[in-house]
Amino acid sequence: MVSPERTEDRSSWAGTKFDRSVSMVAWGLNEELIIERFFDRAFALLSETVTEFEVVFINDGSTDRTGAIAEAYAKREPRLRVFHNERNLNVGISAQRAVRAATKDIVLWQTVDWSYDLRHMRIFLELTRHFDVVQGVRPVPIRLLSYIPIIRSIYRVRTRSDTLRQAITSLGNYYLLRILFGVHFQDFQNVTFYPRQLIQSLDLSSTTSVINPECLVKAKATGARFLEVPIGFLRREAGVSKGARIDFIIRSVIDVFRHWFKWGRKLRLTKRAALKERIYRVSEPTFLDEEVIVLAAPLFAEYR
């Protein structure tokens, strides 16, 4: 587990590249309209912020040109590593395969439709020197009324997804996870920065989008120190989101309860202390060290 350590003033690294290696992993099904754009954005961002990196992409049994486009891109960009599922295996299996394939120090994943705003990537990476896991949350504007749970939920609905239906589905899933697993994360579906050794050590079994909450809960149970940072949602530019399809929703809900009965109940009882340990948040600077506050200062504007 990473121990908090003092760092120099932010000006000492501003304009420099992060000196630990990074694996960005992703997966996609029939995303020929946007997959090349995803690679362009990923390599532009990582080239700007990181000295050494790779992009790992799992083609999850696509029947369109997604796989061919990815392979063609990899021929001209050797830092792209492409793997193919012979048939569609769903998000969870693809995520597990991508995580196992990662070889760099820090592992994060981004959706192929670039759903999350990583313009503060350099700060997020620097914060991994202070915390084991840096977890993105969709920021809620800080207002007096936003401290009331119901009002805060209304703010979340407005900023969570591409459509109202997707937003309500996402919010319902969020509260179900909080109630069952007893971990008070402010977001279960966002970009998360893990040490590779930690995430690869987790015993993962989800086959659906519950893979992200499973990683968070099991990492928290190890005693890892978490920091939540604001990472906003970005609307899809092209293609069709799969997450709001009724079959995906049903499978995810079933998966939530399956995991609750399989390991969630036991983990909540045996690792209660670790699960209840404080989750540090940029939105609650009172609890942060001075060095972290200085580092995270540009992020405060995300809560306006």
C-alpha atoms as a PDB file:
ATOM      1  CA  MET A   1       0.000   0.000   0.000  1.00  0.00           C
ATOM      2  CA  VAL A   2       1.303   3.463  -0.904  1.00  0.00           C
ATOM      3  CA  SER A   3       2.233   5.717   1.980  1.00  0.00           C
ATOM      4  CA  PRO A   4       1.539   9.458   1.836  1.00  0.00           C
ATOM      5  CA  GLU A   5       4.731  11.271   0.949  1.00  0.00           C
ATOM      6  CA  ARG A   6       5.694  14.884   0.572  1.00  0.00           C
ATOM      7  CA  THR A   7       6.213  16.199  -2.920  1.00  0.00           C
ATOM      8  CA  GLU A   8       7.562  19.470  -4.170  1.00  0.00           C
ATOM      9  CA  ASP A   9       5.371  22.348  -5.203  1.00  0.00           C
ATOM     10  CA  ARG A  10       3.272  21.702  -8.297  1.00  0.00           C
ATOM     11  CA  SER A  11       5.453  24.107 -10.278  1.00  0.00           C
ATOM     12  CA  SER A  12       8.300  21.569 -10.018  1.00  0.00           C
ATOM     13  CA  TRP A  13       6.523  19.130 -12.331  1.00  0.00           C
ATOM     14  CA  ALA A  14       4.154  21.369 -14.301  1.00  0.00           C
ATOM     15  CA  GLY A  15       4.942  20.964 -17.984  1.00  0.00           C
ATOM     16  CA  THR A  16       6.796  17.691 -17.456  1.00  0.00           C
ATOM     17  CA  LYS A  17       5.703  14.140 -18.190  1.00  0.00           C
ATOM     18  CA  PHE A  18       4.738  11.616 -15.539  1.00  0.00           C
ATOM     19  CA  ASP A  19       7.724   9.360 -14.873  1.00  0.00           C
ATOM     20  CA  ARG A  20       5.881   6.134 -14.020  1.00  0.00           C
ATOM     21  CA  SER A  21       4.540   3.949 -16.824  1.00  0.00           C
ATOM     22  CA  VAL A  22       0.825   3.799 -17.644  1.00  0.00           C
ATOM     23  CA  SER A  23      -1.484   1.239 -19.269  1.00  0.00           C
ATOM     24  CA  MET A  24      -4.760   2.566 -20.680  1.00  0.00           C
ATOM     25  CA  VAL A  25      -7.081  -0.361 -21.356  1.00  0.00           C
ATOM     26  CA  ALA A  26     -10.364  -0.451 -23.262  1.00  0.00           C
ATOM     27  CA  TRP A  27     -12.743  -2.822 -25.014  1.00  0.00           C
ATOM     28  CA  GLY A  28     -15.425  -2.441 -27.636  1.00  0.00           C
ATOM     29  CA  LEU A  29     -18.165  -4.193 -29.592  1.00  0.00           C
ATOM     30  CA  ASN A  30     -19.021  -2.984 -33.120  1.00  0.00           C
ATOM     31  CA  GLU A  31     -17.497   0.476 -32.699  1.00  0.00           C
ATOM     32  CA  GLU A  32     -16.141   1.017 -36.219  1.00  0.00           C
ATOM     33  CA  LEU A  33     -17.511   4.578 -36.284  1.00  0.00           C
ATOM     34  CA  ILE A  34     -15.475   5.765 -33.311  1.00  0.00           C
ATOM     35  CA  ILE A  35     -12.641   3.343 -32.595  1.00  0.00           C
ATOM     36  CA  GLU A  36      -9.984   5.159 -34.614  1.00  0.00           C
ATOM     37  CA  ARG A  37     -10.969   8.447 -32.985  1.00  0.00           C
ATOM     38  CA  PHE A  38     -10.581   6.750 -29.607  1.00  0.00           C
ATOM     39  CA  PHE A  39      -7.045   5.644 -30.439  1.00  0.00           C
ATOM     40  CA  ASP A  40      -6.161   9.132 -31.696  1.00  0.00           C
ATOM     41  CA  ARG A  41      -7.349  10.715 -28.451  1.00  0.00           C
ATOM     42  CA  ALA A  42      -5.713   8.100 -26.259  1.00  0.00           C
ATOM     43  CA  PHE A  43      -2.297   8.396 -27.885  1.00  0.00           C
ATOM     44  CA  ALA A  44      -2.440  12.186 -28.008  1.00  0.00           C
ATOM     45  CA  LEU A  45      -3.273  12.391 -24.299  1.00  0.00           C
ATOM     46  CA  LEU A  46      -0.754   9.803 -23.164  1.00  0.00           C
ATOM     47  CA  SER A  47       2.025  11.177 -25.369  1.00  0.00           C
ATOM     48  CA  GLU A  48       1.478  14.586 -23.806  1.00  0.00           C
ATOM     49  CA  THR A  49       1.431  13.437 -20.182  1.00  0.00           C
ATOM     50  CA  VAL A  50       3.392  10.183 -19.787  1.00  0.00           C
ATOM     51  CA  THR A  51       6.938   9.109 -20.614  1.00  0.00           C
ATOM     52  CA  GLU A  52       6.198   5.390 -21.065  1.00  0.00           C
ATOM     53  CA  PHE A  53       2.778   3.908 -21.848  1.00  0.00           C
ATOM     54  CA  GLU A  54       0.711   1.381 -23.758  1.00  0.00           C
ATOM     55  CA  VAL A  55      -2.900   1.079 -24.922  1.00  0.00           C
ATOM     56  CA  VAL A  56      -4.518  -2.351 -24.580  1.00  0.00           C
ATOM     57  CA  PHE A  57      -7.693  -2.896 -26.600  1.00  0.00           C
ATOM     58  CA  ILE A  58      -9.995  -5.916 -26.479  1.00  0.00           C
ATOM     59  CA  ASN A  59     -12.158  -6.384 -29.567  1.00  0.00           C
ATOM     60  CA  ASP A  60     -15.134  -8.114 -27.956  1.00  0.00           C
ATOM     61  CA  GLY A  61     -16.314 -10.257 -30.866  1.00  0.00           C
ATOM     62  CA  SER A  62     -17.225  -7.379 -33.179  1.00  0.00           C
ATOM     63  CA  THR A  63     -18.929  -8.291 -36.443  1.00  0.00           C
ATOM     64  CA  ASP A  64     -18.146  -4.981 -38.154  1.00  0.00           C
ATOM     65  CA  ARG A  65     -14.737  -3.471 -39.028  1.00  0.00           C
ATOM     66  CA  THR A  66     -13.720  -2.661 -35.424  1.00  0.00           C
ATOM     67  CA  GLY A  67     -11.115  -5.431 -35.287  1.00  0.00           C
ATOM     68  CA  ALA A  68      -9.637  -4.632 -38.696  1.00  0.00           C
ATOM     69  CA  ILE A  69      -9.359  -0.925 -37.891  1.00  0.00           C
ATOM     70  CA  ALA A  70      -7.646  -1.712 -34.585  1.00  0.00           C
ATOM     71  CA  GLU A  71      -5.157  -4.071 -36.240  1.00  0.00           C
ATOM     72  CA  ALA A  72      -4.334  -1.514 -38.937  1.00  0.00           C
ATOM     73  CA  TYR A  73      -3.737   1.139 -36.268  1.00  0.00           C
ATOM     74  CA  ALA A  74      -1.461  -1.216 -34.302  1.00  0.00           C
ATOM     75  CA  LYS A  75       0.741  -1.735 -37.365  1.00  0.00           C
ATOM     76  CA  ARG A  76       1.668   1.943 -37.356  1.00  0.00           C
ATOM     77  CA  GLU A  77       1.581   2.388 -33.572  1.00  0.00           C
ATOM     78  CA  PRO A  78       3.471  -0.394 -31.740  1.00  0.00           C
ATOM     79  CA  ARG A  79       2.331   0.827 -28.325  1.00  0.00           C
ATOM     80  CA  LEU A  80      -1.177  -0.376 -29.208  1.00  0.00           C
ATOM     81  CA  ARG A  81      -1.772  -4.016 -28.272  1.00  0.00           C
ATOM     82  CA  VAL A  82      -4.930  -5.574 -29.719  1.00  0.00           C
ATOM     83  CA  PHE A  83      -6.630  -8.761 -28.554  1.00  0.00           C
ATOM     84  CA  HIS A  84      -9.710 -10.391 -30.061  1.00  0.00           C
ATOM     85  CA  ASN A  85     -12.483 -12.355 -28.397  1.00  0.00           C
ATOM     86  CA  GLU A  86     -13.737 -14.914 -30.896  1.00  0.00           C
ATOM     87  CA  ARG A  87     -17.282 -14.100 -29.810  1.00  0.00           C
ATOM     88  CA  ASN A  88     -18.930 -11.419 -27.715  1.00  0.00           C
ATOM     89  CA  LEU A  89     -18.068 -12.176 -24.067  1.00  0.00           C
ATOM     90  CA  ASN A  90     -19.417  -8.939 -22.528  1.00  0.00           C
ATOM     91  CA  VAL A  91     -17.788  -6.148 -20.572  1.00  0.00           C
ATOM     92  CA  GLY A  92     -16.621  -8.052 -17.503  1.00  0.00           C
ATOM     93  CA  ILE A  93     -14.680 -10.760 -19.316  1.00  0.00           C
ATOM     94  CA  SER A  94     -13.133  -8.211 -21.665  1.00  0.00           C
ATOM     95  CA  ALA A  95     -12.116  -6.004 -18.744  1.00  0.00           C
ATOM     96  CA  GLN A  96     -10.503  -8.929 -16.953  1.00  0.00           C
ATOM     97  CA  ARG A  97      -8.565  -9.865 -20.080  1.00  0.00           C
ATOM     98  CA  ALA A  98      -7.413  -6.279 -20.573  1.00  0.00           C
ATOM     99  CA  VAL A  99      -6.270  -5.967 -16.953  1.00  0.00           C
ATOM    100  CA  ARG A 100      -4.321  -9.234 -17.145  1.00  0.00           C
ATOM    101  CA  ALA A 101      -2.622  -8.033 -20.336  1.00  0.00           C
ATOM    102  CA  ALA A 102      -1.491  -4.709 -18.859  1.00  0.00           C
ATOM    103  CA  THR A 103       2.245  -4.435 -18.176  1.00  0.00           C
ATOM    104  CA  LYS A 104       2.793  -0.889 -16.878  1.00  0.00           C
ATOM    105  CA  ASP A 105       2.850   0.600 -13.366  1.00  0.00           C
ATOM    106  CA  ILE A 106      -0.532   2.362 -13.380  1.00  0.00           C
ATOM    107  CA  VAL A 107      -3.659   0.877 -14.988  1.00  0.00           C
ATOM    108  CA  LEU A 108      -6.769   2.842 -15.967  1.00  0.00           C
ATOM    109  CA  TRP A 109      -9.571   2.271 -18.403  1.00  0.00           C
ATOM    110  CA  GLN A 110     -11.512   4.641 -20.586  1.00  0.00           C
ATOM    111  CA  THR A 111     -14.588   3.863 -22.666  1.00  0.00           C
ATOM    112  CA  VAL A 112     -14.187   3.798 -26.446  1.00  0.00           C
ATOM    113  CA  ASP A 113     -16.727   6.623 -26.743  1.00  0.00           C
ATOM    114  CA  TRP A 114     -14.498   8.679 -24.416  1.00  0.00           C
ATOM    115  CA  SER A 115     -17.230   9.108 -21.824  1.00  0.00           C
ATOM    116  CA  TYR A 116     -15.030  10.701 -19.181  1.00  0.00           C
ATOM    117  CA  ASP A 117     -13.138  13.979 -19.211  1.00  0.00           C
ATOM    118  CA  LEU A 118      -9.409  13.326 -18.725  1.00  0.00           C
ATOM    119  CA  ARG A 119      -8.107  16.837 -19.367  1.00  0.00           C
ATOM    120  CA  HIS A 120      -6.603  16.853 -15.853  1.00  0.00           C
ATOM    121  CA  MET A 121      -4.831  13.546 -16.479  1.00  0.00           C
ATOM    122  CA  ARG A 122      -1.443  14.855 -15.340  1.00  0.00           C
ATOM    123  CA  ILE A 123      -2.847  15.854 -11.951  1.00  0.00           C
ATOM    124  CA  PHE A 124      -4.676  12.544 -11.509  1.00  0.00           C
ATOM    125  CA  LEU A 125      -1.460  10.659 -12.166  1.00  0.00           C
ATOM    126  CA  GLU A 126       0.536  12.807  -9.763  1.00  0.00           C
ATOM    127  CA  LEU A 127      -2.034  12.112  -7.067  1.00  0.00           C
ATOM    128  CA  THR A 128      -1.222   8.380  -7.309  1.00  0.00           C
ATOM    129  CA  ARG A 129       1.950   9.235  -5.408  1.00  0.00           C
ATOM    130  CA  HIS A 130      -0.227  10.094  -2.388  1.00  0.00           C
ATOM    131  CA  PHE A 131      -3.010   7.501  -2.599  1.00  0.00           C
ATOM    132  CA  ASP A 132      -3.189   3.872  -3.656  1.00  0.00           C
ATOM    133  CA  VAL A 133      -6.231   4.381  -5.890  1.00  0.00           C
ATOM    134  CA  VAL A 134      -7.462   7.577  -7.543  1.00  0.00           C
ATOM    135  CA  GLN A 135     -11.146   7.218  -8.406  1.00  0.00           C
ATOM    136  CA  GLY A 136     -13.102   9.505 -10.707  1.00  0.00           C
ATOM    137  CA  VAL A 137     -16.542  10.776  -9.707  1.00  0.00           C
ATOM    138  CA  ARG A 138     -18.965  12.823 -11.755  1.00  0.00           C
ATOM    139  CA  PRO A 139     -18.840  16.158  -9.923  1.00  0.00           C
ATOM    140  CA  VAL A 140     -21.967  17.612  -8.356  1.00  0.00           C
ATOM    141  CA  PRO A 141     -22.000  21.440  -8.090  1.00  0.00           C
ATOM    142  CA  ILE A 142     -21.403  22.446  -4.490  1.00  0.00           C
ATOM    143  CA  ARG A 143     -24.498  24.353  -3.387  1.00  0.00           C
ATOM    144  CA  LEU A 144     -26.202  24.522  -0.034  1.00  0.00           C
ATOM    145  CA  LEU A 145     -29.051  22.310  -1.299  1.00  0.00           C
ATOM    146  CA  SER A 146     -26.648  19.805  -2.878  1.00  0.00           C
ATOM    147  CA  TYR A 147     -25.835  18.481   0.595  1.00  0.00           C
ATOM    148  CA  ILE A 148     -29.387  17.095   0.758  1.00  0.00           C
ATOM    149  CA  PRO A 149     -29.209  13.526  -0.668  1.00  0.00           C
ATOM    150  CA  ILE A 150     -32.368  13.781  -2.805  1.00  0.00           C
ATOM    151  CA  ILE A 151     -31.286  17.106  -4.329  1.00  0.00           C
ATOM    152  CA  ARG A 152     -27.795  15.746  -4.913  1.00  0.00           C
ATOM    153  CA  SER A 153     -29.338  12.825  -6.775  1.00  0.00           C
ATOM    154  CA  ILE A 154     -31.216  15.240  -9.050  1.00  0.00           C
ATOM    155  CA  TYR A 155     -27.925  16.929  -9.899  1.00  0.00           C
ATOM    156  CA  ARG A 156     -26.438  13.505 -10.653  1.00  0.00           C
ATOM    157  CA  VAL A 157     -29.277  12.557 -13.007  1.00  0.00           C
ATOM    158  CA  ARG A 158     -28.649  15.678 -15.056  1.00  0.00           C
ATOM    159  CA  THR A 159     -24.968  14.910 -15.596  1.00  0.00           C
ATOM    160  CA  ARG A 160     -24.643  11.102 -15.608  1.00  0.00           C
ATOM    161  CA  SER A 161     -25.437   9.815 -19.110  1.00  0.00           C
ATOM    162  CA  ASP A 162     -26.424  10.494 -22.712  1.00  0.00           C
ATOM    163  CA  THR A 163     -30.185  10.173 -22.107  1.00  0.00           C
ATOM    164  CA  LEU A 164     -32.597  10.519 -19.191  1.00  0.00           C
ATOM    165  CA  ARG A 165     -33.313   6.793 -19.294  1.00  0.00           C
ATOM    166  CA  GLN A 166     -29.621   5.946 -19.080  1.00  0.00           C
ATOM    167  CA  ALA A 167     -29.143   8.453 -16.264  1.00  0.00           C
ATOM    168  CA  ILE A 168     -31.984   7.008 -14.181  1.00  0.00           C
ATOM    169  CA  THR A 169     -30.711   3.480 -14.816  1.00  0.00           C
ATOM    170  CA  SER A 170     -27.216   4.525 -13.782  1.00  0.00           C
ATOM    171  CA  LEU A 171     -28.447   6.223 -10.626  1.00  0.00           C
ATOM    172  CA  GLY A 172     -30.602   3.239  -9.635  1.00  0.00           C
ATOM    173  CA  ASN A 173     -27.640   0.934 -10.110  1.00  0.00           C
ATOM    174  CA  TYR A 174     -25.494   3.254  -7.996  1.00  0.00           C
ATOM    175  CA  TYR A 175     -27.806   3.164  -4.984  1.00  0.00           C
ATOM    176  CA  LEU A 176     -28.280  -0.585  -5.280  1.00  0.00           C
ATOM    177  CA  LEU A 177     -24.513  -1.071  -5.082  1.00  0.00           C
ATOM    178  CA  ARG A 178     -24.129   1.275  -2.126  1.00  0.00           C
ATOM    179  CA  ILE A 179     -26.897  -0.421  -0.168  1.00  0.00           C
ATOM    180  CA  LEU A 180     -25.732  -3.981  -0.821  1.00  0.00           C
ATOM    181  CA  PHE A 181     -21.975  -3.593  -0.497  1.00  0.00           C
ATOM    182  CA  GLY A 182     -21.884  -0.862   2.137  1.00  0.00           C
ATOM    183  CA  VAL A 183     -19.119   1.213   0.566  1.00  0.00           C
ATOM    184  CA  HIS A 184     -19.807   4.926   0.251  1.00  0.00           C
ATOM    185  CA  PHE A 185     -18.184   5.705  -3.063  1.00  0.00           C
ATOM    186  CA  GLN A 186     -19.775   8.657  -4.836  1.00  0.00           C
ATOM    187  CA  ASP A 187     -19.447   6.920  -8.203  1.00  0.00           C
ATOM    188  CA  PHE A 188     -19.011   3.276  -9.200  1.00  0.00           C
ATOM    189  CA  GLN A 189     -18.675   3.782 -12.974  1.00  0.00           C
ATOM    190  CA  ASN A 190     -15.890   6.154 -13.903  1.00  0.00           C
ATOM    191  CA  VAL A 191     -12.173   6.209 -14.647  1.00  0.00           C
ATOM    192  CA  THR A 192     -10.033   4.689 -11.892  1.00  0.00           C
ATOM    193  CA  PHE A 193      -6.241   4.716 -11.566  1.00  0.00           C
ATOM    194  CA  TYR A 194      -4.918   1.514  -9.957  1.00  0.00           C
ATOM    195  CA  PRO A 195      -1.414   0.244  -9.233  1.00  0.00           C
ATOM    196  CA  ARG A 196      -1.044  -2.707 -11.602  1.00  0.00           C
ATOM    197  CA  GLN A 197       0.068  -5.031  -8.799  1.00  0.00           C
ATOM    198  CA  LEU A 198      -3.091  -4.253  -6.823  1.00  0.00           C
ATOM    199  CA  ILE A 199      -5.672  -4.667  -9.562  1.00  0.00           C
ATOM    200  CA  GLN A 200      -4.009  -7.794 -10.951  1.00  0.00           C
ATOM    201  CA  SER A 201      -4.036  -9.328  -7.467  1.00  0.00           C
ATOM    202  CA  LEU A 202      -7.832  -9.072  -7.148  1.00  0.00           C
ATOM    203  CA  ASP A 203      -9.930 -12.185  -7.679  1.00  0.00           C
ATOM    204  CA  LEU A 204     -12.424 -10.860 -10.237  1.00  0.00           C
ATOM    205  CA  SER A 205     -15.430 -12.768 -11.545  1.00  0.00           C
ATOM    206  CA  SER A 206     -17.988 -10.316 -12.964  1.00  0.00           C
ATOM    207  CA  THR A 207     -19.052 -10.821 -16.571  1.00  0.00           C
ATOM    208  CA  THR A 208     -20.957  -7.518 -16.912  1.00  0.00           C
ATOM    209  CA  SER A 209     -20.432  -3.827 -16.166  1.00  0.00           C
ATOM    210  CA  VAL A 210     -20.432  -4.768 -12.479  1.00  0.00           C
ATOM    211  CA  ILE A 211     -16.710  -5.397 -13.044  1.00  0.00           C
ATOM    212  CA  ASN A 212     -15.899  -1.788 -12.139  1.00  0.00           C
ATOM    213  CA  PRO A 213     -17.760  -1.824  -8.799  1.00  0.00           C
ATOM    214  CA  GLU A 214     -16.236  -5.240  -8.068  1.00  0.00           C
ATOM    215  CA  CYS A 215     -12.745  -3.833  -8.552  1.00  0.00           C
ATOM    216  CA  LEU A 216     -13.508  -0.851  -6.315  1.00  0.00           C
ATOM    217  CA  VAL A 217     -15.068  -2.861  -3.489  1.00  0.00           C
ATOM    218  CA  LYS A 218     -12.398  -5.562  -3.472  1.00  0.00           C
ATOM    219  CA  ALA A 219      -9.580  -3.010  -3.670  1.00  0.00           C
ATOM    220  CA  LYS A 220     -11.130  -1.101  -0.757  1.00  0.00           C
ATOM    221  CA  ALA A 221     -11.314  -4.335   1.239  1.00  0.00           C
ATOM    222  CA  THR A 222      -7.514  -4.690   0.965  1.00  0.00           C
ATOM    223  CA  GLY A 223      -7.097  -1.478   2.946  1.00  0.00           C
ATOM    224  CA  ALA A 224      -6.093   0.614  -0.062  1.00  0.00           C
ATOM    225  CA  ARG A 225      -6.350   4.388   0.437  1.00  0.00           C
ATOM    226  CA  PHE A 226      -8.738   6.043  -2.024  1.00  0.00           C
ATOM    227  CA  LEU A 227      -8.992   9.596  -3.295  1.00  0.00           C
ATOM    228  CA  GLU A 228     -12.043  10.677  -5.303  1.00  0.00           C
ATOM    229  CA  VAL A 229     -11.373  13.298  -7.969  1.00  0.00           C
ATOM    230  CA  PRO A 230     -13.841  15.081 -10.272  1.00  0.00           C
ATOM    231  CA  ILE A 231     -14.019  13.505 -13.738  1.00  0.00           C
ATOM    232  CA  GLY A 232     -17.026  14.723 -15.683  1.00  0.00           C
ATOM    233  CA  PHE A 233     -19.199  12.746 -18.098  1.00  0.00           C
ATOM    234  CA  LEU A 234     -18.950  13.472 -21.832  1.00  0.00           C
ATOM    235  CA  ARG A 235     -21.758  12.634 -24.222  1.00  0.00           C
ATOM    236  CA  ARG A 236     -21.171  10.093 -26.979  1.00  0.00           C
ATOM    237  CA  GLU A 237     -20.337  11.668 -30.349  1.00  0.00           C
ATOM    238  CA  ALA A 238     -21.249   8.723 -32.594  1.00  0.00           C
ATOM    239  CA  GLY A 239     -22.311   5.098 -32.497  1.00  0.00           C
ATOM    240  CA  VAL A 240     -24.808   3.565 -30.106  1.00  0.00           C
ATOM    241  CA  SER A 241     -24.304   3.001 -26.387  1.00  0.00           C
ATOM    242  CA  LYS A 242     -24.922  -0.607 -25.300  1.00  0.00           C
ATOM    243  CA  GLY A 243     -25.317   0.140 -21.593  1.00  0.00           C
ATOM    244  CA  ALA A 244     -29.013   1.137 -21.630  1.00  0.00           C
ATOM    245  CA  ARG A 245     -30.261  -1.904 -23.551  1.00  0.00           C
ATOM    246  CA  ILE A 246     -32.789  -3.803 -21.460  1.00  0.00           C
ATOM    247  CA  ASP A 247     -30.845  -7.081 -21.759  1.00  0.00           C
ATOM    248  CA  PHE A 248     -27.687  -5.384 -20.493  1.00  0.00           C
ATOM    249  CA  ILE A 249     -29.592  -3.850 -17.579  1.00  0.00           C
ATOM    250  CA  ILE A 250     -31.175  -7.165 -16.590  1.00  0.00           C
ATOM    251  CA  ARG A 251     -27.856  -9.005 -16.798  1.00  0.00           C
ATOM    252  CA  SER A 252     -26.129  -6.321 -14.720  1.00  0.00           C
ATOM    253  CA  VAL A 253     -28.784  -6.370 -11.983  1.00  0.00           C
ATOM    254  CA  ILE A 254     -28.635 -10.162 -11.840  1.00  0.00           C
ATOM    255  CA  ASP A 255     -24.856  -9.922 -11.662  1.00  0.00           C
ATOM    256  CA  VAL A 256     -25.041  -7.458  -8.751  1.00  0.00           C
ATOM    257  CA  PHE A 257     -27.145  -9.840  -6.676  1.00  0.00           C
ATOM    258  CA  ARG A 258     -25.112 -12.855  -7.760  1.00  0.00           C
ATOM    259  CA  HIS A 259     -21.953 -11.209  -6.488  1.00  0.00           C
ATOM    260  CA  TRP A 260     -23.681 -10.074  -3.325  1.00  0.00           C
ATOM    261  CA  PHE A 261     -24.579 -13.672  -2.487  1.00  0.00           C
ATOM    262  CA  LYS A 262     -21.283 -15.088  -3.758  1.00  0.00           C
ATOM    263  CA  TRP A 263     -18.818 -12.826  -1.931  1.00  0.00           C
ATOM    264  CA  GLY A 264     -20.374  -9.463  -1.084  1.00  0.00           C
ATOM    265  CA  ARG A 265     -22.099 -10.484   2.153  1.00  0.00           C
ATOM    266  CA  LYS A 266     -19.021 -12.249   3.500  1.00  0.00           C
ATOM    267  CA  LEU A 267     -16.698  -9.405   2.501  1.00  0.00           C
ATOM    268  CA  ARG A 268     -18.951  -6.851   4.175  1.00  0.00           C
ATOM    269  CA  LEU A 269     -18.783  -8.832   7.432  1.00  0.00           C
ATOM    270  CA  THR A 270     -15.115  -9.846   7.411  1.00  0.00           C
ATOM    271  CA  LYS A 271     -13.657  -6.621   5.985  1.00  0.00           C
ATOM    272  CA  ARG A 272     -16.082  -4.175   7.551  1.00  0.00           C
ATOM    273  CA  ALA A 273     -13.347  -1.989   9.055  1.00  0.00           C
ATOM    274  CA  ALA A 274     -11.491  -1.632   5.747  1.00  0.00           C
ATOM    275  CA  LEU A 275     -14.698  -0.946   3.802  1.00  0.00           C
ATOM    276  CA  LYS A 276     -15.693   1.750   6.289  1.00  0.00           C
ATOM    277  CA  GLU A 277     -12.326   3.523   6.300  1.00  0.00           C
ATOM    278  CA  ARG A 278     -12.470   7.090   5.040  1.00  0.00           C
ATOM    279  CA  ILE A 279     -12.618   7.700   1.320  1.00  0.00           C
ATOM    280  CA  TYR A 280     -10.742  10.946   0.764  1.00  0.00           C
ATOM    281  CA  ARG A 281     -12.276  13.440  -1.642  1.00  0.00           C
ATOM    282  CA  VAL A 282     -11.086  16.533  -3.445  1.00  0.00           C
ATOM    283  CA  SER A 283     -14.531  17.972  -2.643  1.00  0.00           C
ATOM    284  CA  GLU A 284     -13.681  17.684   1.082  1.00  0.00           C
ATOM    285  CA  PRO A 285     -10.277  19.436   1.320  1.00  0.00           C
ATOM    286  CA  THR A 286     -10.498  19.713   5.118  1.00  0.00           C
ATOM    287  CA  PHE A 287      -9.330  16.104   5.334  1.00  0.00           C
ATOM    288  CA  LEU A 288      -6.482  16.394   2.811  1.00  0.00           C
ATOM    289  CA  ASP A 289      -2.804  17.087   3.430  1.00  0.00           C
ATOM    290  CA  GLU A 290      -1.542  20.484   2.373  1.00  0.00           C
ATOM    291  CA  GLU A 291       0.538  18.979  -0.443  1.00  0.00           C
ATOM    292  CA  VAL A 292      -2.518  17.270  -1.901  1.00  0.00           C
ATOM    293  CA  ILE A 293      -4.611  20.446  -1.665  1.00  0.00           C
ATOM    294  CA  VAL A 294      -1.984  22.403  -3.588  1.00  0.00           C
ATOM    295  CA  LEU A 295      -1.741  19.641  -6.174  1.00  0.00           C
ATOM    296  CA  ALA A 296      -5.511  19.351  -6.585  1.00  0.00           C
ATOM    297  CA  ALA A 297      -6.268  23.091  -6.569  1.00  0.00           C
ATOM    298  CA  PRO A 298      -7.113  23.258 -10.325  1.00  0.00           C
ATOM    299  CA  LEU A 299      -9.777  20.577  -9.765  1.00  0.00           C
ATOM    300  CA  PHE A 300     -11.848  22.686  -7.361  1.00  0.00           C
ATOM    301  CA  ALA A 301     -13.348  24.583 -10.303  1.00  0.00           C
ATOM    302  CA  GLU A 302     -15.112  21.368 -11.391  1.00  0.00           C
ATOM    303  CA  TYR A 303     -17.532  21.774  -8.466  1.00  0.00           C
ATOM    304  CA  ARG A 304     -18.784  25.231  -9.471  1.00  0.00           C
END
